C-alpha cells in the first residue's frame, strides 16, 4: 500500500471535521487544521531527509560545490514556508496579507539565489575573449 493513501484518508477526515467545526467554532477549525498540518509535516520529514541525502550524494558525485546545493535547499525552504504562511492567511480571509507574504518570499528566494547568479555571470565573463 502506498504511504500516500493514509495521508489522503486523514486529509479527507480532517476536511470533514474542519468543515463542521467552521460553522460553530471557526477558531477551533483553524486550530484543527493547523494541528493536522503539523502532524503531516512530521510524517513527511523523514522522506525529505531521504531526498536530501540522495541529492547530496548525486551532487558530490557530479562535483557540484555544496554551497550551490545549500542555496537550493534554502530557496526550497523559503518557497514552502511562504506558501504555507500565504495559505494560512487566505484561510483566515486575509488575501492582502497572503499576497504580501508571497511577494516577500519571492524577494527572499531571489536574494538567496543571488550568489549563484553572480558566480554564473563571473564564469560567463571569464569565457568571453
N, C-alpha and C. Protein backbone atom coordinates (compact mmCIF):
# COMPACT_ATOMS: atom_id res chain seq x y z
N UNK A 1 0.84 -1.19 0.00
CA UNK A 1 0.00 0.00 0.00
C UNK A 1 0.89 1.24 0.00
N UNK A 2 0.53 2.19 -0.81
CA UNK A 2 1.29 3.43 -0.92
C UNK A 2 1.18 4.24 0.37
N UNK A 3 2.30 4.88 0.80
CA UNK A 3 2.22 5.72 2.00
C UNK A 3 1.33 6.94 1.81
N UNK A 4 0.94 7.21 0.57
CA UNK A 4 0.09 8.35 0.31
C UNK A 4 -1.37 8.09 0.69
N UNK A 5 -1.81 6.85 0.68
CA UNK A 5 -3.20 6.53 0.98
C UNK A 5 -3.63 6.96 2.39
N UNK A 6 -2.85 6.67 3.42
CA UNK A 6 -3.24 7.17 4.75
C UNK A 6 -3.28 8.70 4.82
N UNK A 7 -2.39 9.35 4.10
CA UNK A 7 -2.38 10.81 4.09
C UNK A 7 -3.67 11.34 3.46
N UNK A 8 -4.06 10.74 2.35
CA UNK A 8 -5.29 11.17 1.69
C UNK A 8 -6.50 10.91 2.59
N UNK A 9 -6.53 9.73 3.21
CA UNK A 9 -7.63 9.41 4.11
C UNK A 9 -7.71 10.37 5.29
N UNK A 10 -6.57 10.64 5.92
CA UNK A 10 -6.54 11.57 7.05
C UNK A 10 -6.92 12.97 6.61
N UNK A 11 -6.52 13.35 5.41
CA UNK A 11 -6.87 14.67 4.89
C UNK A 11 -8.38 14.80 4.71
N UNK A 12 -8.98 13.79 4.10
CA UNK A 12 -10.44 13.83 3.89
C UNK A 12 -11.18 13.87 5.22
N UNK A 13 -10.75 13.07 6.18
CA UNK A 13 -11.37 13.07 7.51
C UNK A 13 -11.22 14.43 8.17
N UNK A 14 -10.04 15.00 8.09
CA UNK A 14 -9.80 16.32 8.69
C UNK A 14 -10.65 17.39 8.00
N UNK A 15 -10.79 17.29 6.68
CA UNK A 15 -11.63 18.26 5.97
C UNK A 15 -13.08 18.19 6.42
N UNK A 16 -13.59 16.99 6.63
CA UNK A 16 -14.97 16.85 7.11
C UNK A 16 -15.11 17.47 8.50
N UNK A 17 -14.15 17.16 9.38
CA UNK A 17 -14.20 17.70 10.74
C UNK A 17 -14.10 19.22 10.72
N UNK A 18 -13.15 19.75 9.96
CA UNK A 18 -12.96 21.20 9.91
C UNK A 18 -14.18 21.90 9.31
N UNK A 19 -14.77 21.29 8.31
CA UNK A 19 -15.97 21.88 7.69
C UNK A 19 -17.10 22.00 8.71
N UNK A 20 -17.29 20.97 9.52
CA UNK A 20 -18.34 21.02 10.55
C UNK A 20 -17.99 21.99 11.67
N UNK A 21 -16.74 22.04 12.04
CA UNK A 21 -16.31 22.95 13.11
C UNK A 21 -16.38 24.41 12.68
N UNK A 22 -16.17 24.67 11.42
CA UNK A 22 -16.11 26.05 10.93
C UNK A 22 -17.42 26.80 11.19
N UNK A 23 -18.53 26.08 11.18
CA UNK A 23 -19.83 26.72 11.42
C UNK A 23 -19.95 27.22 12.85
N UNK A 24 -19.59 26.34 13.80
CA UNK A 24 -19.81 26.67 15.21
C UNK A 24 -18.60 27.30 15.90
N UNK A 25 -17.42 26.88 15.49
CA UNK A 25 -16.22 27.39 16.14
C UNK A 25 -15.10 27.58 15.15
N UNK A 26 -15.08 28.71 14.44
CA UNK A 26 -14.06 28.91 13.42
C UNK A 26 -12.63 28.87 13.98
N UNK A 27 -12.45 29.27 15.21
CA UNK A 27 -11.11 29.24 15.81
C UNK A 27 -10.68 27.78 16.01
N UNK A 28 -11.59 26.96 16.50
CA UNK A 28 -11.28 25.55 16.69
C UNK A 28 -11.02 24.85 15.35
N UNK A 29 -11.72 25.28 14.32
CA UNK A 29 -11.50 24.72 12.99
C UNK A 29 -10.09 25.06 12.50
N UNK A 30 -9.67 26.29 12.74
CA UNK A 30 -8.33 26.70 12.30
C UNK A 30 -7.25 25.96 13.09
N UNK A 31 -7.46 25.78 14.39
CA UNK A 31 -6.50 25.06 15.22
C UNK A 31 -6.42 23.60 14.78
N UNK A 32 -7.56 23.00 14.48
CA UNK A 32 -7.59 21.62 13.99
C UNK A 32 -6.83 21.49 12.68
N UNK A 33 -7.06 22.42 11.79
CA UNK A 33 -6.37 22.43 10.51
C UNK A 33 -4.86 22.58 10.70
N UNK A 34 -4.47 23.47 11.57
CA UNK A 34 -3.05 23.69 11.84
C UNK A 34 -2.42 22.46 12.49
N UNK A 35 -3.14 21.82 13.42
CA UNK A 35 -2.63 20.62 14.08
C UNK A 35 -2.44 19.50 13.05
N UNK A 36 -3.38 19.35 12.13
CA UNK A 36 -3.24 18.33 11.09
C UNK A 36 -2.01 18.62 10.23
N UNK A 37 -1.81 19.87 9.90
CA UNK A 37 -0.67 20.25 9.08
C UNK A 37 0.64 19.92 9.78
N UNK A 38 0.72 20.18 11.07
CA UNK A 38 1.93 19.87 11.83
C UNK A 38 2.16 18.36 11.86
N UNK A 39 1.10 17.57 12.10
CA UNK A 39 1.24 16.11 12.08
C UNK A 39 1.68 15.61 10.71
N UNK A 40 1.14 16.20 9.68
CA UNK A 40 1.51 15.83 8.32
C UNK A 40 2.98 16.16 8.07
N UNK A 41 3.43 17.26 8.60
CA UNK A 41 4.83 17.65 8.46
C UNK A 41 5.75 16.61 9.11
N UNK A 42 5.37 16.14 10.29
CA UNK A 42 6.17 15.10 10.96
C UNK A 42 6.17 13.79 10.18
N UNK A 43 5.10 13.52 9.46
CA UNK A 43 5.02 12.32 8.63
C UNK A 43 5.94 12.45 7.42
N UNK A 44 6.02 13.65 6.86
CA UNK A 44 6.76 13.87 5.62
C UNK A 44 8.26 14.08 5.85
N UNK A 45 8.64 14.63 6.98
CA UNK A 45 10.05 14.99 7.22
C UNK A 45 11.04 13.84 7.01
N UNK A 46 10.77 12.62 7.48
CA UNK A 46 11.74 11.55 7.21
C UNK A 46 11.95 11.30 5.72
N UNK A 47 10.92 11.46 4.94
CA UNK A 47 11.04 11.26 3.50
C UNK A 47 11.85 12.39 2.86
N UNK A 48 11.71 13.58 3.41
CA UNK A 48 12.51 14.71 2.92
C UNK A 48 13.98 14.44 3.20
N UNK A 49 14.27 13.86 4.34
CA UNK A 49 15.65 13.50 4.68
C UNK A 49 16.25 12.55 3.66
N UNK A 50 15.45 11.61 3.18
CA UNK A 50 15.91 10.69 2.15
C UNK A 50 16.26 11.44 0.87
N UNK A 51 15.43 12.38 0.50
CA UNK A 51 15.67 13.17 -0.72
C UNK A 51 16.94 14.00 -0.57
N UNK A 52 17.11 14.61 0.60
CA UNK A 52 18.29 15.44 0.85
C UNK A 52 19.56 14.60 0.72
N UNK A 53 19.56 13.43 1.36
CA UNK A 53 20.74 12.56 1.28
C UNK A 53 21.04 12.14 -0.15
N UNK A 54 20.02 11.79 -0.91
CA UNK A 54 20.21 11.38 -2.30
C UNK A 54 20.79 12.51 -3.14
N UNK A 55 20.23 13.70 -3.00
CA UNK A 55 20.73 14.83 -3.79
C UNK A 55 22.14 15.23 -3.38
N UNK A 56 22.47 15.12 -2.09
CA UNK A 56 23.83 15.42 -1.66
C UNK A 56 24.81 14.41 -2.25
N UNK A 57 24.41 13.15 -2.28
CA UNK A 57 25.27 12.12 -2.87
C UNK A 57 25.47 12.37 -4.37
N UNK A 58 24.38 12.68 -5.06
CA UNK A 58 24.48 12.94 -6.50
C UNK A 58 25.33 14.17 -6.79
N UNK A 59 25.17 15.21 -5.99
CA UNK A 59 25.95 16.43 -6.23
C UNK A 59 27.43 16.19 -5.94
N UNK A 60 27.74 15.38 -4.94
CA UNK A 60 29.16 15.10 -4.68
C UNK A 60 29.76 14.26 -5.79
N UNK A 61 29.00 13.33 -6.33
CA UNK A 61 29.49 12.54 -7.47
C UNK A 61 29.73 13.41 -8.69
N UNK A 62 28.86 14.40 -8.87
CA UNK A 62 28.98 15.27 -10.04
C UNK A 62 30.00 16.39 -9.83
N UNK A 63 30.49 16.53 -8.61
CA UNK A 63 31.48 17.56 -8.34
C UNK A 63 30.88 18.95 -8.16
N UNK A 64 29.61 19.01 -7.82
CA UNK A 64 28.95 20.29 -7.60
C UNK A 64 29.29 20.76 -6.19
N UNK A 65 29.65 22.02 -6.06
CA UNK A 65 30.01 22.57 -4.75
C UNK A 65 28.80 22.53 -3.81
N UNK A 66 29.07 22.21 -2.56
CA UNK A 66 27.99 22.08 -1.59
C UNK A 66 27.27 23.42 -1.34
N UNK A 67 27.96 24.51 -1.58
CA UNK A 67 27.33 25.82 -1.43
C UNK A 67 26.15 26.02 -2.36
N UNK A 68 26.27 25.48 -3.57
CA UNK A 68 25.17 25.60 -4.52
C UNK A 68 23.96 24.79 -4.07
N UNK A 69 24.22 23.62 -3.51
CA UNK A 69 23.13 22.79 -3.01
C UNK A 69 22.47 23.46 -1.80
N UNK A 70 23.27 24.11 -0.97
CA UNK A 70 22.72 24.82 0.19
C UNK A 70 21.78 25.94 -0.26
N UNK A 71 22.15 26.63 -1.32
CA UNK A 71 21.29 27.68 -1.85
C UNK A 71 19.97 27.08 -2.34
N UNK A 72 20.06 25.95 -2.99
CA UNK A 72 18.86 25.26 -3.47
C UNK A 72 17.94 24.91 -2.30
N UNK A 73 18.52 24.33 -1.24
CA UNK A 73 17.70 23.95 -0.08
C UNK A 73 17.06 25.18 0.57
N UNK A 74 17.81 26.26 0.68
CA UNK A 74 17.26 27.47 1.28
C UNK A 74 16.10 28.01 0.44
N UNK A 75 16.28 28.01 -0.88
CA UNK A 75 15.23 28.52 -1.76
C UNK A 75 13.97 27.65 -1.66
N UNK A 76 14.16 26.34 -1.61
CA UNK A 76 13.02 25.43 -1.48
C UNK A 76 12.32 25.66 -0.14
N UNK A 77 13.09 25.79 0.94
CA UNK A 77 12.51 26.01 2.26
C UNK A 77 11.73 27.33 2.30
N UNK A 78 12.31 28.37 1.74
CA UNK A 78 11.62 29.66 1.69
C UNK A 78 10.32 29.53 0.91
N UNK A 79 10.35 28.84 -0.20
CA UNK A 79 9.15 28.67 -1.02
C UNK A 79 8.04 27.93 -0.28
N UNK A 80 8.40 26.83 0.36
CA UNK A 80 7.40 26.06 1.10
C UNK A 80 6.85 26.83 2.29
N UNK A 81 7.72 27.47 3.05
CA UNK A 81 7.25 28.23 4.21
C UNK A 81 6.38 29.41 3.80
N UNK A 82 6.77 30.06 2.71
CA UNK A 82 5.98 31.18 2.21
C UNK A 82 4.61 30.70 1.76
N UNK A 83 4.57 29.59 1.04
CA UNK A 83 3.30 29.04 0.59
C UNK A 83 2.41 28.68 1.78
N UNK A 84 3.00 28.06 2.79
CA UNK A 84 2.25 27.70 3.99
C UNK A 84 1.67 28.93 4.67
N UNK A 85 2.48 29.96 4.86
CA UNK A 85 2.02 31.19 5.51
C UNK A 85 0.94 31.88 4.67
N UNK A 86 1.11 31.87 3.37
CA UNK A 86 0.11 32.51 2.49
C UNK A 86 -1.22 31.76 2.55
N UNK A 87 -1.16 30.44 2.55
CA UNK A 87 -2.40 29.66 2.63
C UNK A 87 -3.09 29.85 3.97
N UNK A 88 -2.31 29.93 5.05
CA UNK A 88 -2.92 30.21 6.36
C UNK A 88 -3.60 31.58 6.35
N UNK A 89 -2.96 32.54 5.72
CA UNK A 89 -3.54 33.88 5.63
C UNK A 89 -4.83 33.86 4.82
N UNK A 90 -4.82 33.12 3.71
CA UNK A 90 -6.04 33.02 2.89
C UNK A 90 -7.16 32.32 3.66
N UNK A 91 -6.80 31.27 4.40
CA UNK A 91 -7.81 30.57 5.20
C UNK A 91 -8.42 31.48 6.24
N UNK A 92 -7.64 32.43 6.73
CA UNK A 92 -8.14 33.39 7.71
C UNK A 92 -8.88 34.55 7.04
N UNK A 93 -8.96 34.52 5.71
CA UNK A 93 -9.66 35.56 4.98
C UNK A 93 -8.83 36.80 4.69
N UNK A 94 -7.52 36.69 4.84
CA UNK A 94 -6.62 37.84 4.66
C UNK A 94 -5.84 37.69 3.36
N UNK A 95 -6.50 37.99 2.25
CA UNK A 95 -5.86 37.85 0.94
C UNK A 95 -4.72 38.84 0.74
N UNK A 96 -4.86 40.03 1.28
CA UNK A 96 -3.81 41.04 1.13
C UNK A 96 -2.54 40.61 1.85
N UNK A 97 -2.69 40.07 3.05
CA UNK A 97 -1.52 39.59 3.78
C UNK A 97 -0.88 38.42 3.03
N UNK A 98 -1.72 37.54 2.47
CA UNK A 98 -1.20 36.40 1.70
C UNK A 98 -0.37 36.89 0.52
N UNK A 99 -0.86 37.89 -0.18
CA UNK A 99 -0.11 38.44 -1.32
C UNK A 99 1.21 39.06 -0.87
N UNK A 100 1.18 39.74 0.26
CA UNK A 100 2.40 40.34 0.79
C UNK A 100 3.43 39.29 1.19
N UNK A 101 2.96 38.22 1.80
CA UNK A 101 3.86 37.12 2.19
C UNK A 101 4.48 36.48 0.95
N UNK A 102 3.66 36.28 -0.09
CA UNK A 102 4.18 35.69 -1.32
C UNK A 102 5.23 36.59 -1.96
N UNK A 103 4.99 37.89 -1.98
CA UNK A 103 5.97 38.83 -2.53
C UNK A 103 7.26 38.78 -1.73
N UNK A 104 7.14 38.80 -0.41
CA UNK A 104 8.34 38.73 0.44
C UNK A 104 9.10 37.43 0.18
N UNK A 105 8.40 36.34 0.02
CA UNK A 105 9.05 35.05 -0.26
C UNK A 105 9.80 35.07 -1.57
N UNK A 106 9.20 35.67 -2.59
CA UNK A 106 9.87 35.74 -3.90
C UNK A 106 11.14 36.59 -3.82
N UNK A 107 11.07 37.68 -3.09
CA UNK A 107 12.25 38.52 -2.92
C UNK A 107 13.34 37.76 -2.16
N UNK A 108 12.95 37.01 -1.13
CA UNK A 108 13.92 36.26 -0.34
C UNK A 108 14.56 35.14 -1.16
N UNK A 109 13.79 34.49 -2.02
CA UNK A 109 14.36 33.46 -2.90
C UNK A 109 15.37 34.10 -3.84
N UNK A 110 15.02 35.24 -4.39
CA UNK A 110 15.94 35.94 -5.28
C UNK A 110 17.22 36.34 -4.55
N UNK A 111 17.10 36.86 -3.35
CA UNK A 111 18.28 37.23 -2.57
C UNK A 111 19.13 36.00 -2.22
N UNK A 112 18.48 34.91 -1.93
CA UNK A 112 19.20 33.67 -1.61
C UNK A 112 19.96 33.15 -2.82
N UNK A 113 19.35 33.26 -3.99
CA UNK A 113 19.96 32.74 -5.21
C UNK A 113 20.98 33.69 -5.83
N UNK A 114 21.03 34.92 -5.37
CA UNK A 114 21.91 35.92 -5.96
C UNK A 114 23.38 35.50 -6.02
N UNK A 115 23.95 34.89 -4.99
CA UNK A 115 25.35 34.47 -5.10
C UNK A 115 25.58 33.46 -6.23
N UNK A 116 24.63 32.59 -6.47
CA UNK A 116 24.77 31.62 -7.57
C UNK A 116 24.70 32.34 -8.91
N UNK A 117 23.80 33.29 -9.02
CA UNK A 117 23.68 34.06 -10.27
C UNK A 117 24.97 34.83 -10.53
N UNK A 118 25.54 35.42 -9.49
CA UNK A 118 26.80 36.16 -9.64
C UNK A 118 27.92 35.21 -10.07
N UNK A 119 27.97 34.02 -9.46
CA UNK A 119 29.01 33.04 -9.83
C UNK A 119 28.87 32.62 -11.28
N UNK A 120 27.65 32.43 -11.74
CA UNK A 120 27.42 32.05 -13.14
C UNK A 120 27.85 33.18 -14.06
N UNK A 121 27.49 34.39 -13.71
CA UNK A 121 27.89 35.54 -14.54
C UNK A 121 29.41 35.70 -14.57
N UNK A 122 30.07 35.48 -13.44
CA UNK A 122 31.53 35.55 -13.41
C UNK A 122 32.13 34.51 -14.35
N UNK A 123 31.59 33.30 -14.34
CA UNK A 123 32.09 32.25 -15.24
C UNK A 123 31.88 32.63 -16.69
N UNK A 124 30.73 33.23 -17.00
CA UNK A 124 30.47 33.67 -18.37
C UNK A 124 31.44 34.76 -18.81
N UNK A 125 31.75 35.69 -17.91
CA UNK A 125 32.68 36.76 -18.24
C UNK A 125 34.08 36.20 -18.50
N UNK A 126 34.47 35.18 -17.74
CA UNK A 126 35.78 34.56 -17.96
C UNK A 126 35.85 33.85 -19.30
N UNK A 127 34.73 33.37 -19.81
CA UNK A 127 34.71 32.67 -21.09
C UNK A 127 34.81 33.63 -22.28
N UNK A 128 34.40 34.88 -22.06
CA UNK A 128 34.45 35.86 -23.14
C UNK A 128 35.89 36.28 -23.41
N UNK A 129 36.23 36.53 -24.70
CA UNK A 129 37.62 36.94 -25.04
C UNK A 129 37.94 38.34 -24.60
